[in-house]
Amino acid sequence: MPRRPRITQLTAAQYDALERAIADRRRLSVWRRGTEYVVVVDRLHLAAGREALEAHHPTTGDRLTLYIDELEGIEVVG
C-alpha cells in the first residue's frame, strides 16, 4: 500500500487562528469528508508523524481526534 503524503494544508494565518482558538478555548468549525464539526480544541500535537487536533464537543463533551491532513477547512467560531 503506498504511503499517504503528509502535507499540511493550513496557511500561516490559519495556524495563528488555530493556536489562538486553543489558547482562548474558543470553538472551531472544522470540515472533514463533507461534514462540519463544531469543537473545542484541547491541544495540537503529533500522532504517528501526523498533526492531530484533540478536541471535544462543546455541549456533549464527546472526544474527537482530527488529523490536519484530512481536513477540508477550519474556521474559528465566536
Protein backbone atom coordinates (compact mmCIF):
# COMPACT_ATOMS: atom_id res chain seq x y z
CA MET A 1 0.00 0.00 0.00
CA PRO A 2 1.52 3.37 -0.96
CA ARG A 3 2.18 5.82 1.82
CA ARG A 4 -0.09 8.81 2.00
CA PRO A 5 1.66 12.16 1.69
CA ARG A 6 1.75 14.03 4.97
CA ILE A 7 1.27 17.52 3.61
CA THR A 8 -0.41 20.07 5.83
CA GLN A 9 -2.93 22.27 4.07
CA LEU A 10 -3.14 25.12 6.62
CA THR A 11 -1.73 28.56 5.95
CA ALA A 12 0.30 30.54 8.48
CA ALA A 13 -2.78 32.68 9.21
CA GLN A 14 -4.87 29.54 9.83
CA TYR A 15 -2.23 28.17 12.22
CA ASP A 16 -2.22 31.50 14.08
CA ALA A 17 -6.04 31.43 14.34
CA LEU A 18 -5.95 27.78 15.45
CA GLU A 19 -3.35 28.45 18.15
CA ARG A 20 -5.30 31.48 19.40
CA ALA A 21 -8.54 29.44 19.48
CA ILE A 22 -6.79 26.73 21.53
CA ALA A 23 -5.35 29.27 23.97
CA ASP A 24 -8.68 31.10 24.36
CA ARG A 25 -10.77 27.87 24.46
CA ARG A 26 -12.89 29.11 21.53
CA ARG A 27 -15.00 26.90 19.30
CA LEU A 28 -13.68 25.82 15.94
CA SER A 29 -15.72 24.81 12.91
CA VAL A 30 -13.90 22.00 11.08
CA TRP A 31 -14.86 20.31 7.80
CA ARG A 32 -13.83 16.73 7.10
CA ARG A 33 -15.27 14.49 4.36
CA GLY A 34 -18.12 16.94 3.75
CA THR A 35 -19.22 17.04 7.39
CA GLU A 36 -18.94 20.07 9.64
CA TYR A 37 -17.86 19.56 13.24
CA VAL A 38 -18.01 22.34 15.83
CA VAL A 39 -15.50 21.51 18.54
CA VAL A 40 -13.29 22.99 21.23
CA VAL A 41 -9.69 22.01 20.57
CA ASP A 42 -7.78 20.89 23.66
CA ARG A 43 -4.39 20.51 22.01
CA LEU A 44 -2.48 20.25 18.76
CA HIS A 45 0.17 17.52 18.68
CA LEU A 46 1.94 14.94 16.53
CA ALA A 47 0.49 11.42 16.43
CA ALA A 48 2.34 8.84 14.33
CA GLY A 49 4.03 11.62 12.38
CA ARG A 50 0.77 13.45 11.65
CA GLU A 51 -0.51 16.68 13.17
CA ALA A 52 -3.64 15.96 15.17
CA LEU A 53 -6.22 18.07 16.97
CA GLU A 54 -7.50 16.56 20.21
CA ALA A 55 -10.92 18.12 20.65
CA HIS A 56 -14.28 17.75 22.37
CA HIS A 57 -17.84 18.70 21.50
CA PRO A 58 -18.74 21.88 23.44
CA THR A 59 -22.15 20.57 24.58
CA THR A 60 -21.82 16.80 24.98
CA GLY A 61 -18.12 16.58 25.84
CA ASP A 62 -17.61 13.75 23.33
CA ARG A 63 -13.91 13.43 22.43
CA LEU A 64 -12.65 13.52 18.84
CA THR A 65 -9.25 13.31 17.15
CA LEU A 66 -8.98 15.20 13.87
CA TYR A 67 -5.91 14.92 11.66
CA ILE A 68 -4.90 18.16 9.95
CA ASP A 69 -4.10 16.39 6.67
CA GLU A 70 -7.71 15.10 6.47
CA LEU A 71 -9.37 18.49 6.96
CA GLU A 72 -11.05 20.40 4.15
CA GLY A 73 -11.21 23.65 6.11
CA ILE A 74 -11.26 25.30 9.52
CA GLU A 75 -12.80 28.47 10.89
CA VAL A 76 -12.80 29.98 14.38
CA VAL A 77 -16.36 30.47 15.64
CA GLY A 78 -17.05 33.19 18.20
